[in-house]
Amino acid sequence: MNAEAPSAARRNWNQGTDGAHVIVLGNEKGGTGKSTIAMHLIVSLLYEGLRVGTIDLDARQGTLTRYVENRERLCRQLNVDLPRPSHVPIKVSEDKDKDLRALLRAVNQHTRNCDVMVIDTAGSDNYLSRAGHVFADTLITPLNDSFIDLDVIARVDPDTMKIAGPSHYAESIWETRKNRALKDGGSVDWIVIRNRLSHLDSRIKRQMEDLVGQLSTRIGFRQAPGLGERVIYRELFLQGLTLLDLRHSGIQVEMSMSHVAARQELRALLDAINLKQLAQRSA
């Protein structure tokens, strides 16, 4: 990870680490469910009464941005007042300095006006995503149960099925955490989530559980249970809803066993992240 853009970003952040608590959703591979997890975290914090600012650094694909837009549209259509974040999308352009200035403006704006900031980054390596990682107090990295996904944070010996060493993304996070500690004494709580899990047992699922467990002690992250592979999440996206909204006045969604099971998964995830404690500290 090139340190130039991140270092400049934090150096120019007016509030340092004393403002809003920053949660970054990060992974250099797409398709891991970052935006779905981000939106559920955002809405959970909003229901706790916190002011939440959001930044979409993957605005070219724009999944989180479209999620927020779908939510705004539903509120207008149904005349309901669902809690919404203060949202800023930022696209990578040909002007690197302009993009970084836009990120800094958004960070400073949310720091002044919000209790918690959630930054969704691209599923690839670019300077804007690297700069976004620098602000993290909590970094959440979802992984699918796949050796392709695991390869982003660790190299696996195919003969022994043991961890051969950290991969490029894990090394970049180690550098970010080290630089953060040296610069302002801050720390980054890194949480890795095995996400979009199949509900069936499999050899790969057991191997992934063992390998992620090995890696967590080796490079220093916490594990949290993820969300299952459920159609319900894709359906909720189109309406701008989360599982937490289904009992809100004016929202007519017939609850099924899939909804109930998904809500249990979400509660387990939020408990593992210690979202209640974060909300209490930020209030």
C-alpha atoms as a PDB file:
ATOM      1  CA  MET A   1       0.000   0.000   0.000  1.00  0.00           C
ATOM      2  CA  ASN A   2       1.467   3.282  -1.086  1.00  0.00           C
ATOM      3  CA  ALA A   3       1.749   5.450   2.027  1.00  0.00           C
ATOM      4  CA  GLU A   4       1.819   8.821   0.240  1.00  0.00           C
ATOM      5  CA  ALA A   5      -1.925   9.418  -0.188  1.00  0.00           C
ATOM      6  CA  PRO A   6      -2.961   8.024   3.214  1.00  0.00           C
ATOM      7  CA  SER A   7      -0.293   9.994   5.057  1.00  0.00           C
ATOM      8  CA  ALA A   8      -1.325  13.211   3.349  1.00  0.00           C
ATOM      9  CA  ALA A   9      -4.970  12.458   4.078  1.00  0.00           C
ATOM     10  CA  ARG A  10      -4.552  11.995   7.811  1.00  0.00           C
ATOM     11  CA  ARG A  11      -2.107  14.913   8.044  1.00  0.00           C
ATOM     12  CA  ASN A  12      -4.783  17.212   6.615  1.00  0.00           C
ATOM     13  CA  TRP A  13      -7.678  15.839   8.660  1.00  0.00           C
ATOM     14  CA  ASN A  14      -8.622  18.765  10.874  1.00  0.00           C
ATOM     15  CA  GLN A  15     -10.033  16.735  13.759  1.00  0.00           C
ATOM     16  CA  GLY A  16      -7.387  14.019  14.030  1.00  0.00           C
ATOM     17  CA  THR A  17      -8.823  11.027  15.889  1.00  0.00           C
ATOM     18  CA  ASP A  18     -10.927  13.050  18.339  1.00  0.00           C
ATOM     19  CA  GLY A  19     -14.075  13.309  16.218  1.00  0.00           C
ATOM     20  CA  ALA A  20     -16.500  10.719  14.925  1.00  0.00           C
ATOM     21  CA  HIS A  21     -15.634   7.055  15.363  1.00  0.00           C
ATOM     22  CA  VAL A  22     -14.739   5.791  11.878  1.00  0.00           C
ATOM     23  CA  ILE A  23     -15.772   2.355  10.609  1.00  0.00           C
ATOM     24  CA  VAL A  24     -14.200   1.341   7.294  1.00  0.00           C
ATOM     25  CA  LEU A  25     -15.480  -1.563   5.195  1.00  0.00           C
ATOM     26  CA  GLY A  26     -12.413  -2.763   3.324  1.00  0.00           C
ATOM     27  CA  ASN A  27     -11.301  -5.615   1.099  1.00  0.00           C
ATOM     28  CA  GLU A  28      -9.401  -5.527  -2.180  1.00  0.00           C
ATOM     29  CA  LYS A  29     -11.795  -8.086  -3.667  1.00  0.00           C
ATOM     30  CA  GLY A  30     -15.359  -7.323  -4.690  1.00  0.00           C
ATOM     31  CA  GLY A  31     -18.479  -9.377  -4.173  1.00  0.00           C
ATOM     32  CA  THR A  32     -17.993 -10.049  -0.467  1.00  0.00           C
ATOM     33  CA  GLY A  33     -21.077  -8.199   0.795  1.00  0.00           C
ATOM     34  CA  LYS A  34     -19.341  -5.054   2.104  1.00  0.00           C
ATOM     35  CA  SER A  35     -22.175  -2.706   1.189  1.00  0.00           C
ATOM     36  CA  THR A  36     -24.903  -4.939   2.636  1.00  0.00           C
ATOM     37  CA  ILE A  37     -23.042  -5.173   5.932  1.00  0.00           C
ATOM     38  CA  ALA A  38     -22.292  -1.440   5.817  1.00  0.00           C
ATOM     39  CA  MET A  39     -25.963  -0.511   5.396  1.00  0.00           C
ATOM     40  CA  HIS A  40     -27.084  -2.776   8.244  1.00  0.00           C
ATOM     41  CA  LEU A  41     -24.415  -1.288  10.526  1.00  0.00           C
ATOM     42  CA  ILE A  42     -25.454   2.228   9.505  1.00  0.00           C
ATOM     43  CA  VAL A  43     -29.144   1.641  10.184  1.00  0.00           C
ATOM     44  CA  SER A  44     -28.397  -0.121  13.475  1.00  0.00           C
ATOM     45  CA  LEU A  45     -26.408   2.909  14.650  1.00  0.00           C
ATOM     46  CA  LEU A  46     -29.159   5.262  13.494  1.00  0.00           C
ATOM     47  CA  TYR A  47     -31.733   3.332  15.511  1.00  0.00           C
ATOM     48  CA  GLU A  48     -29.432   3.750  18.525  1.00  0.00           C
ATOM     49  CA  GLY A  49     -29.995   7.490  18.145  1.00  0.00           C
ATOM     50  CA  LEU A  50     -26.563   8.319  16.720  1.00  0.00           C
ATOM     51  CA  ARG A  51     -25.832  10.766  13.925  1.00  0.00           C
ATOM     52  CA  VAL A  52     -24.214   8.737  11.143  1.00  0.00           C
ATOM     53  CA  GLY A  53     -22.249  10.054   8.176  1.00  0.00           C
ATOM     54  CA  THR A  54     -21.423   7.778   5.262  1.00  0.00           C
ATOM     55  CA  ILE A  55     -18.901   7.971   2.427  1.00  0.00           C
ATOM     56  CA  ASP A  56     -18.986   5.724  -0.635  1.00  0.00           C
ATOM     57  CA  LEU A  57     -15.499   5.470  -2.133  1.00  0.00           C
ATOM     58  CA  ASP A  58     -16.762   2.843  -4.581  1.00  0.00           C
ATOM     59  CA  ALA A  59     -19.185   5.320  -6.131  1.00  0.00           C
ATOM     60  CA  ARG A  60     -18.477   4.129  -9.691  1.00  0.00           C
ATOM     61  CA  GLN A  61     -20.215   0.873  -8.816  1.00  0.00           C
ATOM     62  CA  GLY A  62     -22.138   2.731  -6.136  1.00  0.00           C
ATOM     63  CA  THR A  63     -23.874  -0.106  -4.298  1.00  0.00           C
ATOM     64  CA  LEU A  64     -24.039   1.759  -0.978  1.00  0.00           C
ATOM     65  CA  THR A  65     -25.053   4.965  -2.755  1.00  0.00           C
ATOM     66  CA  ARG A  66     -27.880   3.187  -4.579  1.00  0.00           C
ATOM     67  CA  TYR A  67     -28.933   1.561  -1.305  1.00  0.00           C
ATOM     68  CA  VAL A  68     -29.264   5.007   0.295  1.00  0.00           C
ATOM     69  CA  GLU A  69     -31.067   6.376  -2.784  1.00  0.00           C
ATOM     70  CA  ASN A  70     -33.506   3.436  -2.748  1.00  0.00           C
ATOM     71  CA  ARG A  71     -34.217   4.190   0.900  1.00  0.00           C
ATOM     72  CA  GLU A  72     -34.877   7.868   0.181  1.00  0.00           C
ATOM     73  CA  ARG A  73     -37.241   6.927  -2.653  1.00  0.00           C
ATOM     74  CA  LEU A  74     -39.177   4.469  -0.472  1.00  0.00           C
ATOM     75  CA  CYS A  75     -39.609   7.109   2.235  1.00  0.00           C
ATOM     76  CA  ARG A  76     -41.113   9.480  -0.328  1.00  0.00           C
ATOM     77  CA  GLN A  77     -43.362   6.842  -1.853  1.00  0.00           C
ATOM     78  CA  LEU A  78     -44.744   5.529   1.451  1.00  0.00           C
ATOM     79  CA  ASN A  79     -44.505   8.824   3.329  1.00  0.00           C
ATOM     80  CA  VAL A  80     -42.529   7.160   6.122  1.00  0.00           C
ATOM     81  CA  ASP A  81     -39.628   8.585   8.093  1.00  0.00           C
ATOM     82  CA  LEU A  82     -36.982   5.887   8.191  1.00  0.00           C
ATOM     83  CA  PRO A  83     -33.676   6.982   9.737  1.00  0.00           C
ATOM     84  CA  ARG A  84     -31.162   7.942   7.056  1.00  0.00           C
ATOM     85  CA  PRO A  85     -27.470   8.839   7.116  1.00  0.00           C
ATOM     86  CA  SER A  86     -25.779  11.942   5.761  1.00  0.00           C
ATOM     87  CA  HIS A  87     -24.278  10.424   2.620  1.00  0.00           C
ATOM     88  CA  VAL A  88     -21.427  11.521   0.336  1.00  0.00           C
ATOM     89  CA  PRO A  89     -20.444   9.514  -2.792  1.00  0.00           C
ATOM     90  CA  ILE A  90     -16.968  10.071  -4.244  1.00  0.00           C
ATOM     91  CA  LYS A  91     -15.880   8.686  -7.626  1.00  0.00           C
ATOM     92  CA  VAL A  92     -12.310   8.045  -8.672  1.00  0.00           C
ATOM     93  CA  SER A  93     -11.541  10.522 -11.436  1.00  0.00           C
ATOM     94  CA  GLU A  94      -8.494  11.513 -13.444  1.00  0.00           C
ATOM     95  CA  ASP A  95      -7.664  14.204 -10.888  1.00  0.00           C
ATOM     96  CA  LYS A  96      -6.140  12.487  -7.847  1.00  0.00           C
ATOM     97  CA  ASP A  97      -5.718  15.680  -5.826  1.00  0.00           C
ATOM     98  CA  LYS A  98      -9.326  16.697  -6.454  1.00  0.00           C
ATOM     99  CA  ASP A  99     -10.566  13.292  -5.282  1.00  0.00           C
ATOM    100  CA  LEU A 100      -8.492  13.406  -2.103  1.00  0.00           C
ATOM    101  CA  ARG A 101      -9.721  16.920  -1.342  1.00  0.00           C
ATOM    102  CA  ALA A 102     -13.297  15.689  -1.768  1.00  0.00           C
ATOM    103  CA  LEU A 103     -12.605  12.854   0.685  1.00  0.00           C
ATOM    104  CA  LEU A 104     -11.079  15.248   3.216  1.00  0.00           C
ATOM    105  CA  ARG A 105     -14.040  17.629   2.928  1.00  0.00           C
ATOM    106  CA  ALA A 106     -16.449  14.749   3.531  1.00  0.00           C
ATOM    107  CA  VAL A 107     -14.439  13.446   6.498  1.00  0.00           C
ATOM    108  CA  ASN A 108     -14.252  16.894   8.089  1.00  0.00           C
ATOM    109  CA  GLN A 109     -17.958  17.503   7.473  1.00  0.00           C
ATOM    110  CA  HIS A 110     -18.928  14.208   9.131  1.00  0.00           C
ATOM    111  CA  THR A 111     -16.462  14.757  11.971  1.00  0.00           C
ATOM    112  CA  ARG A 112     -18.167  18.037  12.835  1.00  0.00           C
ATOM    113  CA  ASN A 113     -21.732  16.817  12.444  1.00  0.00           C
ATOM    114  CA  CYS A 114     -21.799  13.081  13.207  1.00  0.00           C
ATOM    115  CA  ASP A 115     -21.061  10.628  15.999  1.00  0.00           C
ATOM    116  CA  VAL A 116     -20.031   7.770  13.718  1.00  0.00           C
ATOM    117  CA  MET A 117     -18.682   7.725  10.170  1.00  0.00           C
ATOM    118  CA  VAL A 118     -18.932   4.659   7.899  1.00  0.00           C
ATOM    119  CA  ILE A 119     -16.682   4.504   4.824  1.00  0.00           C
ATOM    120  CA  ASP A 120     -17.334   1.876   2.131  1.00  0.00           C
ATOM    121  CA  THR A 121     -14.276   1.287  -0.056  1.00  0.00           C
ATOM    122  CA  ALA A 122     -13.836  -0.272  -3.477  1.00  0.00           C
ATOM    123  CA  GLY A 123     -13.194  -3.975  -3.990  1.00  0.00           C
ATOM    124  CA  SER A 124      -9.844  -3.122  -5.576  1.00  0.00           C
ATOM    125  CA  ASP A 125      -6.657  -1.269  -4.735  1.00  0.00           C
ATOM    126  CA  ASN A 126      -6.652   2.431  -5.618  1.00  0.00           C
ATOM    127  CA  TYR A 127      -5.373   5.608  -3.985  1.00  0.00           C
ATOM    128  CA  LEU A 128      -8.815   6.688  -2.796  1.00  0.00           C
ATOM    129  CA  SER A 129      -9.454   3.368  -1.073  1.00  0.00           C
ATOM    130  CA  ARG A 130      -6.002   3.498   0.546  1.00  0.00           C
ATOM    131  CA  ALA A 131      -6.683   7.000   1.828  1.00  0.00           C
ATOM    132  CA  GLY A 132     -10.026   5.880   3.250  1.00  0.00           C
ATOM    133  CA  HIS A 133      -8.377   3.069   5.223  1.00  0.00           C
ATOM    134  CA  VAL A 134      -6.146   5.538   7.050  1.00  0.00           C
ATOM    135  CA  PHE A 135      -9.082   7.001   8.984  1.00  0.00           C
ATOM    136  CA  ALA A 136     -10.278   3.659  10.367  1.00  0.00           C
ATOM    137  CA  ASP A 137     -10.822   3.166  14.069  1.00  0.00           C
ATOM    138  CA  THR A 138     -12.655  -0.059  13.222  1.00  0.00           C
ATOM    139  CA  LEU A 139     -11.843  -1.937  10.003  1.00  0.00           C
ATOM    140  CA  ILE A 140     -14.288  -4.615   8.855  1.00  0.00           C
ATOM    141  CA  THR A 141     -13.187  -7.056   6.147  1.00  0.00           C
ATOM    142  CA  PRO A 142     -15.813  -9.500   4.867  1.00  0.00           C
ATOM    143  CA  LEU A 143     -14.622 -12.676   3.130  1.00  0.00           C
ATOM    144  CA  ASN A 144     -16.591 -15.288   1.230  1.00  0.00           C
ATOM    145  CA  ASP A 145     -15.788 -18.890   2.132  1.00  0.00           C
ATOM    146  CA  SER A 146     -13.410 -19.258  -0.787  1.00  0.00           C
ATOM    147  CA  PHE A 147      -9.674 -19.745  -1.136  1.00  0.00           C
ATOM    148  CA  ILE A 148      -9.799 -16.999  -3.777  1.00  0.00           C
ATOM    149  CA  ASP A 149     -11.104 -14.570  -1.152  1.00  0.00           C
ATOM    150  CA  LEU A 150      -8.689 -15.814   1.508  1.00  0.00           C
ATOM    151  CA  ASP A 151      -5.789 -15.192  -0.886  1.00  0.00           C
ATOM    152  CA  VAL A 152      -6.329 -11.448  -0.408  1.00  0.00           C
ATOM    153  CA  ILE A 153      -5.123 -11.679   3.197  1.00  0.00           C
ATOM    154  CA  ALA A 154      -3.073 -14.903   3.293  1.00  0.00           C
ATOM    155  CA  ARG A 155      -1.082 -17.294   1.164  1.00  0.00           C
ATOM    156  CA  VAL A 156      -2.004 -20.946   1.741  1.00  0.00           C
ATOM    157  CA  ASP A 157       0.341 -23.882   1.112  1.00  0.00           C
ATOM    158  CA  PRO A 158      -1.761 -26.264  -1.039  1.00  0.00           C
ATOM    159  CA  ASP A 159       0.220 -29.317   0.112  1.00  0.00           C
ATOM    160  CA  THR A 160      -0.086 -28.778   3.858  1.00  0.00           C
ATOM    161  CA  MET A 161      -3.183 -26.516   3.906  1.00  0.00           C
ATOM    162  CA  LYS A 162      -1.340 -24.255   6.356  1.00  0.00           C
ATOM    163  CA  ILE A 163      -0.855 -20.493   6.267  1.00  0.00           C
ATOM    164  CA  ALA A 164       2.351 -19.751   4.342  1.00  0.00           C
ATOM    165  CA  GLY A 165       2.277 -16.046   5.147  1.00  0.00           C
ATOM    166  CA  PRO A 166       0.223 -12.858   4.992  1.00  0.00           C
ATOM    167  CA  SER A 167      -0.786 -11.610   1.557  1.00  0.00           C
ATOM    168  CA  HIS A 168      -0.773  -8.113   0.058  1.00  0.00           C
ATOM    169  CA  TYR A 169      -3.868  -6.741   1.766  1.00  0.00           C
ATOM    170  CA  ALA A 170      -2.891  -8.010   5.222  1.00  0.00           C
ATOM    171  CA  GLU A 171       0.572  -6.505   4.789  1.00  0.00           C
ATOM    172  CA  SER A 172      -0.945  -3.155   3.804  1.00  0.00           C
ATOM    173  CA  ILE A 173      -3.172  -3.172   6.895  1.00  0.00           C
ATOM    174  CA  TRP A 174      -0.157  -3.976   9.084  1.00  0.00           C
ATOM    175  CA  GLU A 175       1.604  -0.903   7.639  1.00  0.00           C
ATOM    176  CA  THR A 176      -1.491   1.248   8.177  1.00  0.00           C
ATOM    177  CA  ARG A 177      -1.805   0.132  11.812  1.00  0.00           C
ATOM    178  CA  LYS A 178       1.908   0.697  12.452  1.00  0.00           C
ATOM    179  CA  ASN A 179       1.835   4.179  10.924  1.00  0.00           C
ATOM    180  CA  ARG A 180      -1.280   5.053  12.892  1.00  0.00           C
ATOM    181  CA  ALA A 181       0.329   3.993  16.179  1.00  0.00           C
ATOM    182  CA  LEU A 182       3.499   5.963  15.423  1.00  0.00           C
ATOM    183  CA  LYS A 183       1.651   9.079  14.288  1.00  0.00           C
ATOM    184  CA  ASP A 184      -0.994   9.592  16.972  1.00  0.00           C
ATOM    185  CA  GLY A 185      -0.901   6.561  19.263  1.00  0.00           C
ATOM    186  CA  GLY A 186      -4.218   5.352  17.862  1.00  0.00           C
ATOM    187  CA  SER A 187      -5.157   1.764  17.154  1.00  0.00           C
ATOM    188  CA  VAL A 188      -7.269  -0.004  14.541  1.00  0.00           C
ATOM    189  CA  ASP A 189      -9.659  -2.749  15.621  1.00  0.00           C
ATOM    190  CA  TRP A 190      -9.563  -5.117  12.625  1.00  0.00           C
ATOM    191  CA  ILE A 191     -12.507  -7.512  12.303  1.00  0.00           C
ATOM    192  CA  VAL A 192     -12.652 -10.222   9.637  1.00  0.00           C
ATOM    193  CA  ILE A 193     -16.080 -11.636   8.804  1.00  0.00           C
ATOM    194  CA  ARG A 194     -16.692 -14.906   7.004  1.00  0.00           C
ATOM    195  CA  ASN A 195     -19.685 -13.702   5.034  1.00  0.00           C
ATOM    196  CA  ARG A 196     -22.354 -15.051   2.667  1.00  0.00           C
ATOM    197  CA  LEU A 197     -21.949 -18.480   4.216  1.00  0.00           C
ATOM    198  CA  SER A 198     -23.695 -21.534   2.858  1.00  0.00           C
ATOM    199  CA  HIS A 199     -26.080 -23.167   5.288  1.00  0.00           C
ATOM    200  CA  LEU A 200     -24.681 -26.604   4.397  1.00  0.00           C
ATOM    201  CA  ASP A 201     -21.593 -28.117   5.946  1.00  0.00           C
ATOM    202  CA  SER A 202     -18.665 -28.692   3.578  1.00  0.00           C
ATOM    203  CA  ARG A 203     -14.973 -29.520   3.642  1.00  0.00           C
ATOM    204  CA  ILE A 204     -14.054 -26.061   2.328  1.00  0.00           C
ATOM    205  CA  LYS A 205     -16.179 -24.421   5.021  1.00  0.00           C
ATOM    206  CA  ARG A 206     -14.319 -26.359   7.737  1.00  0.00           C
ATOM    207  CA  GLN A 207     -10.942 -25.606   6.159  1.00  0.00           C
ATOM    208  CA  MET A 208     -11.749 -21.902   5.952  1.00  0.00           C
ATOM    209  CA  GLU A 209     -12.776 -21.841   9.603  1.00  0.00           C
ATOM    210  CA  ASP A 210      -9.465 -23.408  10.605  1.00  0.00           C
ATOM    211  CA  LEU A 211      -7.330 -21.198   8.353  1.00  0.00           C
ATOM    212  CA  VAL A 212      -9.014 -17.930   9.356  1.00  0.00           C
ATOM    213  CA  GLY A 213      -8.593 -18.962  12.999  1.00  0.00           C
ATOM    214  CA  GLN A 214      -4.860 -19.558  12.461  1.00  0.00           C
ATOM    215  CA  LEU A 215      -4.502 -16.242  10.687  1.00  0.00           C
ATOM    216  CA  SER A 216      -6.367 -14.229  13.325  1.00  0.00           C
ATOM    217  CA  THR A 217      -3.770 -14.994  15.994  1.00  0.00           C
ATOM    218  CA  ARG A 218      -0.891 -14.629  13.551  1.00  0.00           C
ATOM    219  CA  ILE A 219      -1.640 -11.160  12.162  1.00  0.00           C
ATOM    220  CA  GLY A 220      -3.996  -9.829  14.818  1.00  0.00           C
ATOM    221  CA  PHE A 221      -7.638  -9.488  13.883  1.00  0.00           C
ATOM    222  CA  ARG A 222     -10.893 -10.437  15.557  1.00  0.00           C
ATOM    223  CA  GLN A 223     -13.407 -12.759  13.939  1.00  0.00           C
ATOM    224  CA  ALA A 224     -17.134 -12.126  13.681  1.00  0.00           C
ATOM    225  CA  PRO A 225     -19.927 -14.275  12.216  1.00  0.00           C
ATOM    226  CA  GLY A 226     -21.238 -13.014   8.905  1.00  0.00           C
ATOM    227  CA  LEU A 227     -24.565 -13.026   7.131  1.00  0.00           C
ATOM    228  CA  GLY A 228     -25.803 -16.089   5.281  1.00  0.00           C
ATOM    229  CA  GLU A 229     -26.346 -16.356   1.538  1.00  0.00           C
ATOM    230  CA  ARG A 230     -30.005 -15.317   1.478  1.00  0.00           C
ATOM    231  CA  VAL A 231     -32.233 -13.888  -1.249  1.00  0.00           C
ATOM    232  CA  ILE A 232     -33.827 -11.621   1.360  1.00  0.00           C
ATOM    233  CA  TYR A 233     -30.783  -9.304   1.395  1.00  0.00           C
ATOM    234  CA  ARG A 234     -31.020  -8.678  -2.355  1.00  0.00           C
ATOM    235  CA  GLU A 235     -34.748  -8.010  -2.068  1.00  0.00           C
ATOM    236  CA  LEU A 236     -34.251  -5.532   0.777  1.00  0.00           C
ATOM    237  CA  PHE A 237     -31.618  -3.654  -1.243  1.00  0.00           C
ATOM    238  CA  LEU A 238     -34.148  -2.771  -3.962  1.00  0.00           C
ATOM    239  CA  GLN A 239     -36.387  -1.165  -1.330  1.00  0.00           C
ATOM    240  CA  GLY A 240     -33.567   0.488   0.584  1.00  0.00           C
ATOM    241  CA  LEU A 241     -34.555  -1.509   3.654  1.00  0.00           C
ATOM    242  CA  THR A 242     -32.626  -3.505   6.219  1.00  0.00           C
ATOM    243  CA  LEU A 243     -33.771  -6.265   8.534  1.00  0.00           C
ATOM    244  CA  LEU A 244     -34.002  -3.664  11.287  1.00  0.00           C
ATOM    245  CA  ASP A 245     -36.727  -1.715   9.432  1.00  0.00           C
ATOM    246  CA  LEU A 246     -39.272  -4.501   9.029  1.00  0.00           C
ATOM    247  CA  ARG A 247     -41.248  -3.602  12.153  1.00  0.00           C
ATOM    248  CA  HIS A 248     -41.161   0.139  11.495  1.00  0.00           C
ATOM    249  CA  SER A 249     -44.566   1.812  11.259  1.00  0.00           C
ATOM    250  CA  GLY A 250     -45.636   2.044   7.625  1.00  0.00           C
ATOM    251  CA  ILE A 251     -43.392  -0.763   6.377  1.00  0.00           C
ATOM    252  CA  GLN A 252     -45.514  -3.698   5.232  1.00  0.00           C
ATOM    253  CA  VAL A 253     -43.300  -6.776   4.915  1.00  0.00           C
ATOM    254  CA  GLU A 254     -44.675 -10.199   5.712  1.00  0.00           C
ATOM    255  CA  MET A 255     -42.204 -11.897   8.049  1.00  0.00           C
ATOM    256  CA  SER A 256     -41.025 -15.398   7.118  1.00  0.00           C
ATOM    257  CA  MET A 257     -38.724 -17.917   8.754  1.00  0.00           C
ATOM    258  CA  SER A 258     -35.973 -16.620   6.474  1.00  0.00           C
ATOM    259  CA  HIS A 259     -36.431 -13.130   7.931  1.00  0.00           C
ATOM    260  CA  VAL A 260     -36.297 -14.494  11.479  1.00  0.00           C
ATOM    261  CA  ALA A 261     -33.126 -16.512  10.798  1.00  0.00           C
ATOM    262  CA  ALA A 262     -31.505 -13.540   9.065  1.00  0.00           C
ATOM    263  CA  ARG A 263     -32.308 -11.262  12.028  1.00  0.00           C
ATOM    264  CA  GLN A 264     -30.597 -13.759  14.339  1.00  0.00           C
ATOM    265  CA  GLU A 265     -27.510 -13.712  12.094  1.00  0.00           C
ATOM    266  CA  LEU A 266     -27.495  -9.932  12.140  1.00  0.00           C
ATOM    267  CA  ARG A 267     -27.783  -9.767  15.936  1.00  0.00           C
ATOM    268  CA  ALA A 268     -24.826 -12.149  16.270  1.00  0.00           C
ATOM    269  CA  LEU A 269     -22.779  -9.989  13.904  1.00  0.00           C
ATOM    270  CA  LEU A 270     -23.629  -6.732  15.700  1.00  0.00           C
ATOM    271  CA  ASP A 271     -22.842  -8.312  19.088  1.00  0.00           C
ATOM    272  CA  ALA A 272     -19.454  -9.544  17.835  1.00  0.00           C
ATOM    273  CA  ILE A 273     -18.571  -6.082  16.544  1.00  0.00           C
ATOM    274  CA  ASN A 274     -19.615  -4.653  19.949  1.00  0.00           C
ATOM    275  CA  LEU A 275     -21.872  -2.153  18.251  1.00  0.00           C
ATOM    276  CA  LYS A 276     -23.824  -1.460  21.456  1.00  0.00           C
ATOM    277  CA  GLN A 277     -20.620  -0.429  23.256  1.00  0.00           C
ATOM    278  CA  LEU A 278     -19.594   1.716  20.280  1.00  0.00           C
ATOM    279  CA  ALA A 279     -22.979   3.430  20.351  1.00  0.00           C
ATOM    280  CA  GLN A 280     -22.662   4.134  24.076  1.00  0.00           C
ATOM    281  CA  ARG A 281     -19.164   5.626  23.640  1.00  0.00           C
ATOM    282  CA  SER A 282     -20.250   7.754  20.689  1.00  0.00           C
ATOM    283  CA  ALA A 283     -23.494   9.033  22.215  1.00  0.00           C
END
